[in-house]
Amino acid sequence: MFLSALWHPSPSRDFNNNNNVLENQHAMPLLTRFLLPFKYAKERYAGHPLRLSIAALKTILLAHVFWKYGYAIAPLQGPSMLPTFEVTGDSVIISRYYRRGREVKVGDVVSFDSVVEPGESVIERVLGLQGDYVMRDTPGTTESMIQVRDDWNSGRL
């Protein structure tokens, strides 16, 4: 009785605001509208294994293209990005739009293939672009500066 009163309030029920009555009356059609795609999927694919297989294959291919060329989620580990990210447990969403260094700025977090361990992906913060001077060591230990060159990422300093 109480649950049905929440979903179907009677107009005679005294509310402080008449808008609450209207919002509660429209809760069921909103739920019904939300479930319509699932009803469609059940009618279309139930009992049709070929249709279901083709739809699953399309979904897998679309997810692969999205993961490879759109966005990816990658875990972070290591102290190189403290204090912005924790040493372990944080993750980042990587946009593949900025492939090959397109529109990368100082301070961006980038992902690239490791030159030390082939096949591994490395995530680092951009400290400087080609021609910039950056500190080689931790500030306060030494004052030596190096110039960023275009071949730095290839491992040939």
C-alpha atoms as a PDB file:
ATOM      1  CA  MET A   1       0.000   0.000   0.000  1.00  0.00           C
ATOM      2  CA  PHE A   2       2.763   2.460   0.962  1.00  0.00           C
ATOM      3  CA  LEU A   3       4.906   1.609  -2.091  1.00  0.00           C
ATOM      4  CA  SER A   4       1.983   2.026  -4.465  1.00  0.00           C
ATOM      5  CA  ALA A   5       1.254   5.394  -2.851  1.00  0.00           C
ATOM      6  CA  LEU A   6       4.804   6.496  -3.700  1.00  0.00           C
ATOM      7  CA  TRP A   7       4.503   5.471  -7.341  1.00  0.00           C
ATOM      8  CA  HIS A   8       0.865   6.530  -7.794  1.00  0.00           C
ATOM      9  CA  PRO A   9       0.074   9.341  -5.392  1.00  0.00           C
ATOM     10  CA  SER A  10      -3.558  10.239  -5.159  1.00  0.00           C
ATOM     11  CA  PRO A  11      -4.481  13.795  -6.103  1.00  0.00           C
ATOM     12  CA  SER A  12      -6.249  14.220  -2.766  1.00  0.00           C
ATOM     13  CA  ARG A  13      -3.017  13.633  -0.845  1.00  0.00           C
ATOM     14  CA  ASP A  14      -1.837  16.884   0.727  1.00  0.00           C
ATOM     15  CA  PHE A  15       1.661  17.885  -0.404  1.00  0.00           C
ATOM     16  CA  ASN A  16       3.327  21.136   0.468  1.00  0.00           C
ATOM     17  CA  ASN A  17       4.218  21.623  -3.189  1.00  0.00           C
ATOM     18  CA  ASN A  18       1.970  20.524  -6.060  1.00  0.00           C
ATOM     19  CA  ASN A  19       5.058  19.980  -8.241  1.00  0.00           C
ATOM     20  CA  ASN A  20       5.937  16.918  -6.133  1.00  0.00           C
ATOM     21  CA  VAL A  21       2.681  15.286  -7.211  1.00  0.00           C
ATOM     22  CA  LEU A  22       3.509  15.894 -10.870  1.00  0.00           C
ATOM     23  CA  GLU A  23       7.080  14.602 -10.507  1.00  0.00           C
ATOM     24  CA  ASN A  24       5.918  11.392  -8.784  1.00  0.00           C
ATOM     25  CA  GLN A  25       3.281  10.741 -11.447  1.00  0.00           C
ATOM     26  CA  HIS A  26       5.930  10.969 -14.187  1.00  0.00           C
ATOM     27  CA  ALA A  27       8.395   8.626 -12.436  1.00  0.00           C
ATOM     28  CA  MET A  28       6.881   5.471 -13.906  1.00  0.00           C
ATOM     29  CA  PRO A  29       6.847   6.599 -17.564  1.00  0.00           C
ATOM     30  CA  LEU A  30      10.473   7.705 -17.200  1.00  0.00           C
ATOM     31  CA  LEU A  31      11.400   4.240 -15.941  1.00  0.00           C
ATOM     32  CA  THR A  32       9.422   2.683 -18.776  1.00  0.00           C
ATOM     33  CA  ARG A  33      11.211   4.908 -21.302  1.00  0.00           C
ATOM     34  CA  PHE A  34      14.556   3.899 -19.813  1.00  0.00           C
ATOM     35  CA  LEU A  35      13.755   0.188 -20.214  1.00  0.00           C
ATOM     36  CA  LEU A  36      12.562   0.450 -23.845  1.00  0.00           C
ATOM     37  CA  PRO A  37      15.978  -0.301 -25.419  1.00  0.00           C
ATOM     38  CA  PHE A  38      16.265  -3.441 -23.318  1.00  0.00           C
ATOM     39  CA  LYS A  39      12.802  -4.566 -24.403  1.00  0.00           C
ATOM     40  CA  TYR A  40      13.798  -3.949 -28.029  1.00  0.00           C
ATOM     41  CA  ALA A  41      17.024  -5.931 -27.596  1.00  0.00           C
ATOM     42  CA  LYS A  42      15.157  -8.826 -26.010  1.00  0.00           C
ATOM     43  CA  GLU A  43      12.610  -8.957 -28.858  1.00  0.00           C
ATOM     44  CA  ARG A  44      15.269  -8.602 -31.557  1.00  0.00           C
ATOM     45  CA  TYR A  45      17.951 -11.018 -30.317  1.00  0.00           C
ATOM     46  CA  ALA A  46      16.202 -13.608 -28.130  1.00  0.00           C
ATOM     47  CA  GLY A  47      16.073 -16.872 -30.067  1.00  0.00           C
ATOM     48  CA  HIS A  48      18.277 -15.553 -32.904  1.00  0.00           C
ATOM     49  CA  PRO A  49      21.852 -16.714 -32.240  1.00  0.00           C
ATOM     50  CA  LEU A  50      23.177 -15.412 -35.586  1.00  0.00           C
ATOM     51  CA  ARG A  51      21.850 -11.903 -34.935  1.00  0.00           C
ATOM     52  CA  LEU A  52      23.233 -12.036 -31.414  1.00  0.00           C
ATOM     53  CA  SER A  53      26.669 -13.185 -32.658  1.00  0.00           C
ATOM     54  CA  ILE A  54      26.837 -10.442 -35.280  1.00  0.00           C
ATOM     55  CA  ALA A  55      25.824  -7.774 -32.752  1.00  0.00           C
ATOM     56  CA  ALA A  56      28.413  -9.057 -30.258  1.00  0.00           C
ATOM     57  CA  LEU A  57      31.128  -9.028 -32.944  1.00  0.00           C
ATOM     58  CA  LYS A  58      30.229  -5.451 -33.928  1.00  0.00           C
ATOM     59  CA  THR A  59      30.370  -4.381 -30.287  1.00  0.00           C
ATOM     60  CA  ILE A  60      33.774  -6.002 -29.772  1.00  0.00           C
ATOM     61  CA  LEU A  61      35.198  -4.402 -32.930  1.00  0.00           C
ATOM     62  CA  LEU A  62      33.815  -0.987 -31.996  1.00  0.00           C
ATOM     63  CA  ALA A  63      35.272  -1.312 -28.485  1.00  0.00           C
ATOM     64  CA  HIS A  64      38.664  -2.281 -29.962  1.00  0.00           C
ATOM     65  CA  VAL A  65      38.718   0.726 -32.312  1.00  0.00           C
ATOM     66  CA  PHE A  66      37.648   3.026 -29.463  1.00  0.00           C
ATOM     67  CA  TRP A  67      40.335   1.591 -27.139  1.00  0.00           C
ATOM     68  CA  LYS A  68      43.088   1.706 -29.789  1.00  0.00           C
ATOM     69  CA  TYR A  69      42.351   5.106 -31.394  1.00  0.00           C
ATOM     70  CA  GLY A  70      40.053   6.940 -28.952  1.00  0.00           C
ATOM     71  CA  TYR A  71      40.684   6.667 -25.232  1.00  0.00           C
ATOM     72  CA  ALA A  72      42.346   4.214 -22.860  1.00  0.00           C
ATOM     73  CA  ILE A  73      42.642   3.812 -19.102  1.00  0.00           C
ATOM     74  CA  ALA A  74      46.135   3.199 -17.727  1.00  0.00           C
ATOM     75  CA  PRO A  75      47.323   2.635 -14.151  1.00  0.00           C
ATOM     76  CA  LEU A  76      50.084   4.820 -12.693  1.00  0.00           C
ATOM     77  CA  GLN A  77      52.888   3.692 -10.437  1.00  0.00           C
ATOM     78  CA  GLY A  78      56.071   5.305  -9.241  1.00  0.00           C
ATOM     79  CA  PRO A  79      56.970   8.580  -7.519  1.00  0.00           C
ATOM     80  CA  SER A  80      57.768  10.587 -10.653  1.00  0.00           C
ATOM     81  CA  MET A  81      54.439  12.457 -10.622  1.00  0.00           C
ATOM     82  CA  LEU A  82      54.103  13.244  -6.921  1.00  0.00           C
ATOM     83  CA  PRO A  83      52.230  15.243  -5.550  1.00  0.00           C
ATOM     84  CA  THR A  84      49.652  15.258  -8.377  1.00  0.00           C
ATOM     85  CA  PHE A  85      49.259  11.470  -8.464  1.00  0.00           C
ATOM     86  CA  GLU A  86      49.866   8.917  -5.719  1.00  0.00           C
ATOM     87  CA  VAL A  87      52.726   6.392  -5.959  1.00  0.00           C
ATOM     88  CA  THR A  88      50.308   3.491  -6.623  1.00  0.00           C
ATOM     89  CA  GLY A  89      46.594   3.134  -7.143  1.00  0.00           C
ATOM     90  CA  ASP A  90      45.841   6.084  -9.439  1.00  0.00           C
ATOM     91  CA  SER A  91      44.795   5.761 -13.067  1.00  0.00           C
ATOM     92  CA  VAL A  92      44.592   8.179 -15.980  1.00  0.00           C
ATOM     93  CA  ILE A  93      42.453   8.368 -19.097  1.00  0.00           C
ATOM     94  CA  ILE A  94      44.684   8.653 -22.146  1.00  0.00           C
ATOM     95  CA  SER A  95      43.420  10.488 -25.231  1.00  0.00           C
ATOM     96  CA  ARG A  96      44.831   9.048 -28.449  1.00  0.00           C
ATOM     97  CA  TYR A  97      44.075  12.301 -30.288  1.00  0.00           C
ATOM     98  CA  TYR A  98      47.513  13.632 -29.395  1.00  0.00           C
ATOM     99  CA  ARG A  99      49.408  10.872 -31.206  1.00  0.00           C
ATOM    100  CA  ARG A 100      52.938  11.578 -32.429  1.00  0.00           C
ATOM    101  CA  GLY A 101      53.296  14.642 -30.166  1.00  0.00           C
ATOM    102  CA  ARG A 102      50.549  16.663 -31.812  1.00  0.00           C
ATOM    103  CA  GLU A 103      49.668  19.730 -29.656  1.00  0.00           C
ATOM    104  CA  VAL A 104      51.543  18.479 -26.562  1.00  0.00           C
ATOM    105  CA  LYS A 105      52.382  21.216 -24.047  1.00  0.00           C
ATOM    106  CA  VAL A 106      54.640  21.446 -21.006  1.00  0.00           C
ATOM    107  CA  GLY A 107      52.895  19.894 -18.014  1.00  0.00           C
ATOM    108  CA  ASP A 108      50.868  17.356 -20.020  1.00  0.00           C
ATOM    109  CA  VAL A 109      50.941  13.698 -19.031  1.00  0.00           C
ATOM    110  CA  VAL A 110      51.928  11.562 -22.028  1.00  0.00           C
ATOM    111  CA  SER A 111      52.205   7.856 -22.779  1.00  0.00           C
ATOM    112  CA  PHE A 112      54.888   6.379 -25.030  1.00  0.00           C
ATOM    113  CA  ASP A 113      56.683   3.097 -25.691  1.00  0.00           C
ATOM    114  CA  SER A 114      59.660   2.474 -23.431  1.00  0.00           C
ATOM    115  CA  VAL A 115      63.135   2.496 -24.973  1.00  0.00           C
ATOM    116  CA  VAL A 116      64.551   0.559 -22.010  1.00  0.00           C
ATOM    117  CA  GLU A 117      61.944  -2.236 -21.974  1.00  0.00           C
ATOM    118  CA  PRO A 118      60.518  -2.777 -25.490  1.00  0.00           C
ATOM    119  CA  GLY A 119      56.816  -3.575 -25.498  1.00  0.00           C
ATOM    120  CA  GLU A 120      56.162  -1.675 -22.251  1.00  0.00           C
ATOM    121  CA  SER A 121      54.262   1.603 -22.111  1.00  0.00           C
ATOM    122  CA  VAL A 122      55.582   4.510 -20.023  1.00  0.00           C
ATOM    123  CA  ILE A 123      53.523   7.410 -18.666  1.00  0.00           C
ATOM    124  CA  GLU A 124      55.409  10.613 -17.814  1.00  0.00           C
ATOM    125  CA  ARG A 125      54.856  14.355 -17.462  1.00  0.00           C
ATOM    126  CA  VAL A 126      56.307  16.674 -20.149  1.00  0.00           C
ATOM    127  CA  LEU A 127      58.972  18.862 -18.519  1.00  0.00           C
ATOM    128  CA  GLY A 128      60.161  20.655 -21.627  1.00  0.00           C
ATOM    129  CA  LEU A 129      59.812  20.788 -25.384  1.00  0.00           C
ATOM    130  CA  GLN A 130      62.517  20.852 -28.035  1.00  0.00           C
ATOM    131  CA  GLY A 131      64.908  23.733 -27.364  1.00  0.00           C
ATOM    132  CA  ASP A 132      63.869  24.255 -23.700  1.00  0.00           C
ATOM    133  CA  TYR A 133      66.370  24.016 -20.857  1.00  0.00           C
ATOM    134  CA  VAL A 134      65.378  21.830 -17.891  1.00  0.00           C
ATOM    135  CA  MET A 135      67.114  20.833 -14.660  1.00  0.00           C
ATOM    136  CA  ARG A 136      68.787  17.437 -14.928  1.00  0.00           C
ATOM    137  CA  ASP A 137      68.471  16.456 -11.260  1.00  0.00           C
ATOM    138  CA  THR A 138      66.245  17.231  -8.304  1.00  0.00           C
ATOM    139  CA  PRO A 139      66.212  20.966  -7.499  1.00  0.00           C
ATOM    140  CA  GLY A 140      68.711  21.795  -4.750  1.00  0.00           C
ATOM    141  CA  THR A 141      71.095  18.899  -5.423  1.00  0.00           C
ATOM    142  CA  THR A 142      72.809  20.354  -8.483  1.00  0.00           C
ATOM    143  CA  GLU A 143      72.179  23.278 -10.752  1.00  0.00           C
ATOM    144  CA  SER A 144      73.081  21.527 -14.012  1.00  0.00           C
ATOM    145  CA  MET A 145      70.696  22.203 -16.880  1.00  0.00           C
ATOM    146  CA  ILE A 146      70.298  20.302 -20.145  1.00  0.00           C
ATOM    147  CA  GLN A 147      68.647  21.294 -23.375  1.00  0.00           C
ATOM    148  CA  VAL A 148      65.764  19.122 -24.595  1.00  0.00           C
ATOM    149  CA  ARG A 149      66.508  17.702 -28.033  1.00  0.00           C
ATOM    150  CA  ASP A 150      64.133  16.121 -30.547  1.00  0.00           C
ATOM    151  CA  ASP A 151      65.833  12.720 -30.278  1.00  0.00           C
ATOM    152  CA  TRP A 152      65.545  12.457 -26.448  1.00  0.00           C
ATOM    153  CA  ASN A 153      62.682   9.944 -26.516  1.00  0.00           C
ATOM    154  CA  SER A 154      64.590   7.623 -28.832  1.00  0.00           C
ATOM    155  CA  GLY A 155      67.237   7.029 -26.146  1.00  0.00           C
ATOM    156  CA  ARG A 156      70.147   8.730 -27.978  1.00  0.00           C
ATOM    157  CA  LEU A 157      71.174  11.576 -25.719  1.00  0.00           C
END
